[in-house]
Amino acid sequence: MMSNAIKSRLLYGTLFALVVGAAAYFWQSTDNGDLPEGIASGNGRVEAVEIDLASMIPGRVEDIMVTEGEFVTVGQALARMDTSNLQARLQEAQAYLQKATTGIDIAKNFVVQRQAELRAAQAVVSQRRAELSSAQNQLERTRELVADKVATEQRLDQDTARYQSALAAVSAGEAQMAAVQAAIRASQAQVVGADADVQAAQATIRRIKADIDEGLLKAPRDGRVQYLVVRPGEIVPGGGVILNMVDLTDVYMTFFLPTKQAGRIALGDEARIVLDVAPQFVIPAEISFVSDVAQFTPKTIETQDEREKLMFSIRARVNRDLLERYLKLVKTGLPGMAYVRTDAATDWPEMFQVQLPQ
């Protein structure tokens, strides 16, 4: 059994080693060592933009066609959702569309029929008006004859009745014609309604087909699958993440510089990246981000010396065209060093001239 004194020495020794290690890491990330004047450096790791591939529709995951770590290309099928319920709804919507299309034909036929009835009613009204005109003329002549004592009162009564009957027939014909015109307008409204039903059914079909298409998840760009969030058979909600991938055409390294050096860095400045696993290669990059606030600070920042200890985040992004040339060689998480010129007049020394794999 170890004594308490030995345990205490071991604990203090461990703590001291951790402190020394942390201090060494901080010194490596901020100190320029033997670098030429006008060049600053910092530790970092290769990172890439991550993409969470999610399902727009809720349901069961039917299949996942990729594995973790697999390289995928844009448009490649990655996962498929169970769309059997959507397929059934699609068949229902297609049947409704067929019914609505038939409804248009029926409504149009009604319009044609009513228009024929209107023409018949107009012909009847014309006939009744002619009969009314004849009865009116006959009545006027009979009145004159009765006044001249040539015709009897009985004849006048008969002609009067005939005139009133013709007048009633005209009114009935006009009423029938008005009813037919109203029926035509109703049939035309049915055509409009049936057409609206067709458009609604077509829109429903397009929406369901879009949902079915969304059931097949494809890679939005070239990249590598990092990890699978779910497995086949699991149920996910709408917007549920299926897998995570990284965009290997959007790669960068984040490092930190103190106030004095960070203040001399501008967006678009040239940078160089050297990876620990391949120190013989020098990768060109470009400063794409300079933090406007310090990422970590001392406890107090009341003096100038303390302000100079503020550390700012800098991001060096690798050119997309270059990444596409070496796409399958790109790996995230690799540690390395980023170098940037704090003085634009400083030339890159020989050791930082671009060197790329052949």
Protein backbone atom coordinates (compact mmCIF):
# COMPACT_ATOMS: atom_id res chain seq x y z
CA MET A 1 0.00 0.00 0.00
CA MET A 2 1.28 3.50 -0.88
CA SER A 3 1.53 6.05 1.89
CA ASN A 4 -0.40 9.32 1.80
CA ALA A 5 2.85 11.22 1.24
CA ILE A 6 3.68 9.18 -1.86
CA LYS A 7 0.16 9.62 -3.16
CA SER A 8 0.40 13.38 -2.62
CA ARG A 9 3.73 13.57 -4.50
CA LEU A 10 2.28 11.59 -7.39
CA LEU A 11 -0.77 13.85 -7.50
CA TYR A 12 1.32 17.01 -7.43
CA GLY A 13 3.62 15.57 -10.07
CA THR A 14 0.67 14.78 -12.33
CA LEU A 15 -0.78 18.24 -11.88
CA PHE A 16 2.61 19.79 -12.61
CA ALA A 17 2.92 17.74 -15.80
CA LEU A 18 -0.55 18.86 -16.93
CA VAL A 19 0.28 22.50 -16.25
CA VAL A 20 3.58 22.23 -18.10
CA GLY A 21 1.88 20.48 -21.01
CA ALA A 22 -0.80 23.16 -21.22
CA ALA A 23 1.81 25.89 -21.08
CA ALA A 24 3.81 24.20 -23.82
CA TYR A 25 0.72 23.90 -26.00
CA PHE A 26 -0.08 27.58 -25.46
CA TRP A 27 3.51 28.55 -26.26
CA GLN A 28 3.46 26.47 -29.45
CA SER A 29 0.23 28.06 -30.57
CA THR A 30 1.37 31.64 -30.01
CA ASP A 31 5.16 31.74 -30.23
CA ASN A 32 6.72 32.13 -33.64
CA GLY A 33 9.98 30.44 -32.65
CA ASP A 34 12.51 30.87 -35.45
CA LEU A 35 10.01 32.28 -37.95
CA PRO A 36 11.11 35.29 -39.99
CA GLU A 37 9.92 38.71 -38.95
CA GLY A 38 6.46 39.45 -40.34
CA ILE A 39 5.12 35.87 -40.20
CA ALA A 40 2.89 34.50 -37.43
CA SER A 41 1.73 30.94 -36.77
CA GLY A 42 -0.73 29.00 -34.71
CA ASN A 43 -1.82 25.42 -34.03
CA GLY A 44 -5.01 24.08 -35.53
CA ARG A 45 -6.87 21.11 -36.94
CA VAL A 46 -8.32 20.58 -40.38
CA GLU A 47 -12.07 21.17 -40.27
CA ALA A 48 -14.82 21.10 -42.87
CA VAL A 49 -18.40 22.31 -43.11
CA GLU A 50 -20.69 19.66 -41.67
CA ILE A 51 -24.07 18.82 -43.21
CA ASP A 52 -26.87 17.12 -41.32
CA LEU A 53 -28.89 15.17 -43.87
CA ALA A 54 -32.48 15.15 -42.57
CA SER A 55 -35.77 13.71 -43.75
CA MET A 56 -38.43 16.26 -44.67
CA ILE A 57 -41.17 13.67 -44.14
CA PRO A 58 -41.83 11.73 -40.94
CA GLY A 59 -41.81 7.96 -41.10
CA ARG A 60 -39.75 4.81 -40.98
CA VAL A 61 -36.23 4.60 -42.38
CA GLU A 62 -36.40 1.84 -44.99
CA ASP A 63 -32.75 1.66 -46.03
CA ILE A 64 -29.39 3.39 -45.63
CA MET A 65 -27.15 2.82 -48.63
CA VAL A 66 -23.83 4.15 -47.25
CA THR A 67 -21.48 3.42 -44.38
CA GLU A 68 -19.60 5.67 -42.01
CA GLY A 69 -16.41 7.02 -43.58
CA GLU A 70 -17.60 6.39 -47.13
CA PHE A 71 -16.86 9.01 -49.78
CA VAL A 72 -20.00 10.11 -51.64
CA THR A 73 -20.61 12.27 -54.69
CA VAL A 74 -23.29 14.89 -55.31
CA GLY A 75 -26.63 13.32 -56.22
CA GLN A 76 -25.73 9.89 -54.84
CA ALA A 77 -28.58 8.13 -53.02
CA LEU A 78 -27.74 7.87 -49.32
CA ALA A 79 -30.94 6.76 -47.57
CA ARG A 80 -34.55 5.93 -48.37
CA MET A 81 -37.68 6.45 -46.30
CA ASP A 82 -40.70 4.13 -46.35
CA THR A 83 -43.19 5.85 -48.68
CA SER A 84 -45.87 3.14 -48.92
CA ASN A 85 -48.39 5.40 -47.19
CA LEU A 86 -47.59 8.21 -49.63
CA GLN A 87 -47.97 5.82 -52.55
CA ALA A 88 -51.48 4.93 -51.34
CA ARG A 89 -52.34 8.61 -51.00
CA LEU A 90 -51.01 9.19 -54.51
CA GLN A 91 -53.33 6.51 -55.92
CA GLU A 92 -56.25 8.10 -54.08
CA ALA A 93 -55.41 11.54 -55.47
CA GLN A 94 -55.08 10.14 -58.99
CA ALA A 95 -58.52 8.52 -58.69
CA TYR A 96 -59.97 11.80 -57.49
CA LEU A 97 -58.33 13.56 -60.45
CA GLN A 98 -59.96 11.11 -62.84
CA LYS A 99 -63.33 11.71 -61.20
CA ALA A 100 -62.86 15.49 -61.36
CA THR A 101 -61.85 15.28 -65.03
CA THR A 102 -65.00 13.31 -65.78
CA GLY A 103 -66.96 15.94 -63.85
CA ILE A 104 -65.73 18.61 -66.26
CA ASP A 105 -67.02 16.63 -69.25
CA ILE A 106 -70.38 16.06 -67.58
CA ALA A 107 -70.71 19.73 -66.66
CA LYS A 108 -69.83 20.80 -70.20
CA ASN A 109 -72.42 18.41 -71.60
CA PHE A 110 -75.00 19.96 -69.29
CA VAL A 111 -74.08 23.39 -70.66
CA VAL A 112 -74.55 22.17 -74.24
CA GLN A 113 -77.88 20.58 -73.33
CA ARG A 114 -79.12 23.71 -71.60
CA GLN A 115 -78.04 25.86 -74.53
CA ALA A 116 -80.12 23.63 -76.84
CA GLU A 117 -83.06 23.99 -74.46
CA LEU A 118 -82.58 27.76 -74.53
CA ARG A 119 -82.76 27.83 -78.32
CA ALA A 120 -85.95 25.75 -78.19
CA ALA A 121 -87.43 28.08 -75.56
CA GLN A 122 -86.54 31.12 -77.66
CA ALA A 123 -88.29 29.55 -80.66
CA VAL A 124 -91.39 28.88 -78.55
CA VAL A 125 -91.41 32.46 -77.25
CA SER A 126 -91.12 33.77 -80.81
CA GLN A 127 -94.06 31.60 -81.83
CA ARG A 128 -96.13 32.70 -78.84
CA ARG A 129 -95.39 36.35 -79.56
CA ALA A 130 -96.54 35.89 -83.15
CA GLU A 131 -99.74 34.25 -81.91
CA LEU A 132 -100.19 37.12 -79.44
CA SER A 133 -99.78 39.69 -82.19
CA SER A 134 -102.37 37.89 -84.36
CA ALA A 135 -104.80 37.62 -81.46
CA GLN A 136 -104.34 41.31 -80.65
CA ASN A 137 -105.04 42.34 -84.25
CA GLN A 138 -108.09 40.09 -84.39
CA LEU A 139 -109.39 41.54 -81.13
CA GLU A 140 -109.03 45.11 -82.42
CA ARG A 141 -110.92 44.26 -85.62
CA THR A 142 -113.66 42.51 -83.66
CA ARG A 143 -114.09 45.56 -81.44
CA GLU A 144 -114.56 47.75 -84.52
CA LEU A 145 -117.12 45.33 -85.94
CA VAL A 146 -119.00 45.22 -82.68
CA ALA A 147 -119.00 49.01 -82.62
CA ASP A 148 -120.47 48.98 -86.14
CA LYS A 149 -123.04 46.36 -85.03
CA VAL A 150 -121.56 43.91 -87.52
CA ALA A 151 -120.15 41.37 -85.00
CA THR A 152 -121.77 40.02 -81.88
CA GLU A 153 -120.63 40.41 -78.30
CA GLN A 154 -120.05 36.69 -78.18
CA ARG A 155 -117.45 37.00 -80.93
CA LEU A 156 -115.75 39.78 -78.99
CA ASP A 157 -115.61 37.62 -75.87
CA GLN A 158 -114.07 34.79 -77.81
CA ASP A 159 -111.39 37.00 -79.39
CA THR A 160 -110.65 38.60 -76.01
CA ALA A 161 -110.16 35.19 -74.43
CA ARG A 162 -107.94 34.16 -77.29
CA TYR A 163 -105.80 37.29 -76.84
CA GLN A 164 -105.44 36.75 -73.09
CA SER A 165 -104.49 33.10 -73.68
CA ALA A 166 -101.83 34.15 -76.18
CA LEU A 167 -100.52 36.78 -73.71
CA ALA A 168 -100.27 34.13 -70.99
CA ALA A 169 -98.48 31.77 -73.35
CA VAL A 170 -95.87 34.45 -74.10
CA SER A 171 -95.30 35.04 -70.37
CA ALA A 172 -94.94 31.31 -69.78
CA GLY A 173 -92.47 31.01 -72.66
CA GLU A 174 -90.38 33.91 -71.38
CA ALA A 175 -90.37 32.38 -67.90
CA GLN A 176 -89.23 29.05 -69.35
CA MET A 177 -86.48 30.83 -71.29
CA ALA A 178 -85.31 32.62 -68.16
CA ALA A 179 -85.22 29.30 -66.28
CA VAL A 180 -83.11 27.74 -69.02
CA GLN A 181 -80.70 30.72 -68.94
CA ALA A 182 -80.35 30.27 -65.18
CA ALA A 183 -79.69 26.57 -65.73
CA ILE A 184 -76.96 27.45 -68.24
CA ARG A 185 -75.24 29.72 -65.72
CA ALA A 186 -75.46 26.96 -63.11
CA SER A 187 -73.95 24.45 -65.53
CA GLN A 188 -71.16 26.89 -66.40
CA ALA A 189 -70.47 27.30 -62.68
CA GLN A 190 -70.28 23.53 -62.42
CA VAL A 191 -67.66 23.54 -65.18
CA VAL A 192 -65.63 26.11 -63.23
CA GLY A 193 -66.03 24.08 -60.04
CA ALA A 194 -65.03 20.84 -61.75
CA ASP A 195 -62.00 22.56 -63.28
CA ALA A 196 -61.01 23.81 -59.82
CA ASP A 197 -61.34 20.24 -58.52
CA VAL A 198 -59.02 19.06 -61.29
CA GLN A 199 -56.44 21.71 -60.46
CA ALA A 200 -56.67 20.87 -56.75
CA ALA A 201 -56.20 17.16 -57.50
CA GLN A 202 -53.23 17.91 -59.75
CA ALA A 203 -51.66 20.07 -57.03
CA THR A 204 -52.20 17.29 -54.49
CA ILE A 205 -50.55 14.80 -56.82
CA ARG A 206 -47.56 17.10 -57.34
CA ARG A 207 -47.19 17.59 -53.58
CA ILE A 208 -47.39 13.86 -52.83
CA LYS A 209 -44.91 13.08 -55.60
CA ALA A 210 -42.58 15.72 -54.17
CA ASP A 211 -42.87 14.06 -50.75
CA ILE A 212 -42.15 10.67 -52.32
CA ASP A 213 -39.10 12.14 -54.06
CA GLU A 214 -37.97 13.60 -50.74
CA GLY A 215 -38.15 10.09 -49.35
CA LEU A 216 -34.94 9.33 -51.27
CA LEU A 217 -32.18 11.33 -49.59
CA LYS A 218 -29.30 12.28 -51.88
CA ALA A 219 -25.93 13.83 -51.26
CA PRO A 220 -26.15 17.61 -51.75
CA ARG A 221 -22.45 17.75 -52.65
CA ASP A 222 -19.27 15.69 -52.70
CA GLY A 223 -18.12 14.71 -49.25
CA ARG A 224 -17.58 11.98 -46.71
CA VAL A 225 -20.10 10.37 -44.37
CA GLN A 226 -19.01 11.00 -40.79
CA TYR A 227 -21.58 9.00 -38.85
CA LEU A 228 -25.06 7.54 -39.06
CA VAL A 229 -27.61 8.93 -36.63
CA VAL A 230 -30.29 6.26 -37.16
CA ARG A 231 -30.52 2.75 -38.56
CA PRO A 232 -33.00 1.10 -40.96
CA GLY A 233 -36.31 0.41 -39.26
CA GLU A 234 -36.19 3.41 -36.92
CA ILE A 235 -38.91 6.05 -37.06
CA VAL A 236 -37.92 9.70 -37.39
CA PRO A 237 -40.02 12.89 -37.27
CA GLY A 238 -40.11 15.44 -40.06
CA GLY A 239 -36.72 17.13 -40.03
CA GLY A 240 -35.14 14.18 -38.21
CA VAL A 241 -31.41 13.79 -38.96
CA ILE A 242 -30.49 10.56 -40.75
CA LEU A 243 -26.73 11.00 -41.11
CA ASN A 244 -23.96 13.56 -40.90
CA MET A 245 -21.48 14.29 -43.67
CA VAL A 246 -18.70 16.79 -44.28
CA ASP A 247 -18.28 18.94 -47.37
CA LEU A 248 -14.72 18.23 -48.47
CA THR A 249 -14.75 21.20 -50.82
CA ASP A 250 -15.13 23.62 -47.89
CA VAL A 251 -12.11 22.93 -45.69
CA TYR A 252 -10.32 25.28 -43.31
CA MET A 253 -8.09 25.46 -40.26
CA THR A 254 -8.92 27.60 -37.23
CA PHE A 255 -6.02 28.94 -35.15
CA PHE A 256 -5.45 31.74 -32.64
CA LEU A 257 -3.24 34.80 -32.59
CA PRO A 258 -2.68 37.45 -29.93
CA THR A 259 -3.97 40.99 -30.30
CA LYS A 260 -0.90 42.55 -31.87
CA GLN A 261 -0.64 39.93 -34.62
CA ALA A 262 -4.38 39.44 -35.18
CA GLY A 263 -4.80 43.18 -35.72
CA ARG A 264 -2.52 42.99 -38.75
CA ILE A 265 -4.46 40.23 -40.46
CA ALA A 266 -7.07 41.06 -43.12
CA LEU A 267 -9.61 38.96 -44.97
CA GLY A 268 -8.16 37.59 -48.18
CA ASP A 269 -4.57 37.51 -46.90
CA GLU A 270 -2.45 34.58 -48.06
CA ALA A 271 -1.80 31.77 -45.60
CA ARG A 272 0.03 28.46 -45.53
CA ILE A 273 -0.98 25.18 -43.84
CA VAL A 274 1.46 22.41 -42.91
CA LEU A 275 0.03 19.16 -41.55
CA ASP A 276 1.87 17.11 -38.94
CA VAL A 277 1.37 13.91 -40.95
CA ALA A 278 2.83 15.42 -44.13
CA PRO A 279 5.30 18.19 -43.21
CA GLN A 280 6.85 18.01 -46.67
CA PHE A 281 3.75 19.60 -48.21
CA VAL A 282 2.84 23.27 -47.93
CA ILE A 283 -0.83 23.94 -48.68
CA PRO A 284 -1.88 27.42 -49.84
CA ALA A 285 -4.87 28.98 -48.09
CA GLU A 286 -6.64 32.28 -47.66
CA ILE A 287 -7.81 34.09 -44.53
CA SER A 288 -11.62 33.89 -44.60
CA PHE A 289 -12.46 34.90 -41.03
CA VAL A 290 -10.98 37.12 -38.34
CA SER A 291 -12.93 37.23 -35.09
CA ASP A 292 -14.02 40.69 -33.93
CA VAL A 293 -14.00 39.58 -30.28
CA ALA A 294 -11.41 37.72 -28.25
CA GLN A 295 -12.03 33.97 -27.94
CA PHE A 296 -10.32 33.60 -24.56
CA THR A 297 -8.90 36.24 -22.25
CA PRO A 298 -6.97 36.65 -18.97
CA LYS A 299 -8.93 37.23 -15.79
CA THR A 300 -8.49 41.01 -16.01
CA ILE A 301 -7.78 43.28 -18.97
CA GLU A 302 -7.06 46.56 -17.25
CA THR A 303 -3.53 47.14 -18.54
CA GLN A 304 -1.95 47.19 -21.99
CA ASP A 305 0.04 44.03 -21.26
CA GLU A 306 -3.14 42.23 -20.36
CA ARG A 307 -4.88 43.44 -23.52
CA GLU A 308 -2.01 42.08 -25.60
CA LYS A 309 -2.73 38.63 -24.17
CA LEU A 310 -6.17 38.53 -25.75
CA MET A 311 -6.40 35.73 -28.34
CA PHE A 312 -8.44 36.08 -31.52
CA SER A 313 -9.75 33.29 -33.72
CA ILE A 314 -8.44 33.23 -37.31
CA ARG A 315 -9.63 30.91 -40.08
CA ALA A 316 -7.52 29.90 -43.10
CA ARG A 317 -9.63 28.36 -45.86
CA VAL A 318 -8.23 26.12 -48.60
CA ASN A 319 -9.13 27.01 -52.18
CA ARG A 320 -12.13 24.99 -53.47
CA ASP A 321 -10.52 24.24 -56.85
CA LEU A 322 -7.46 22.84 -55.11
CA LEU A 323 -9.61 20.68 -52.84
CA GLU A 324 -11.47 19.25 -55.81
CA ARG A 325 -8.15 18.13 -57.31
CA TYR A 326 -7.26 16.19 -54.16
CA LEU A 327 -10.79 15.47 -52.96
CA LYS A 328 -10.30 11.82 -51.97
CA LEU A 329 -7.12 12.67 -50.05
CA VAL A 330 -8.80 15.27 -47.84
CA LYS A 331 -9.32 14.21 -44.24
CA THR A 332 -10.66 16.28 -41.39
CA GLY A 333 -9.29 16.36 -37.84
CA LEU A 334 -5.63 16.29 -38.87
CA PRO A 335 -3.48 18.59 -36.69
CA GLY A 336 -1.02 21.04 -38.11
CA MET A 337 0.22 24.61 -38.21
CA ALA A 338 -1.16 27.64 -40.02
CA TYR A 339 1.13 30.48 -41.07
CA VAL A 340 0.16 33.99 -42.10
CA ARG A 341 2.04 37.16 -42.96
CA THR A 342 1.53 40.04 -40.57
CA ASP A 343 3.43 42.29 -42.97
CA ALA A 344 2.38 42.25 -46.63
CA ALA A 345 5.88 43.34 -47.66
CA THR A 346 7.37 40.15 -46.23
CA ASP A 347 8.15 37.47 -48.79
CA TRP A 348 7.36 33.85 -48.05
CA PRO A 349 10.63 32.09 -47.24
CA GLU A 350 11.67 28.99 -49.15
CA MET A 351 10.32 26.66 -46.45
CA PHE A 352 6.78 28.04 -47.02
CA GLN A 353 6.71 27.89 -50.79
CA VAL A 354 3.73 25.86 -52.01
CA GLN A 355 4.46 22.14 -52.24
CA LEU A 356 1.61 19.78 -53.21
CA PRO A 357 1.36 16.03 -53.83
CA GLN A 358 1.98 14.94 -57.39
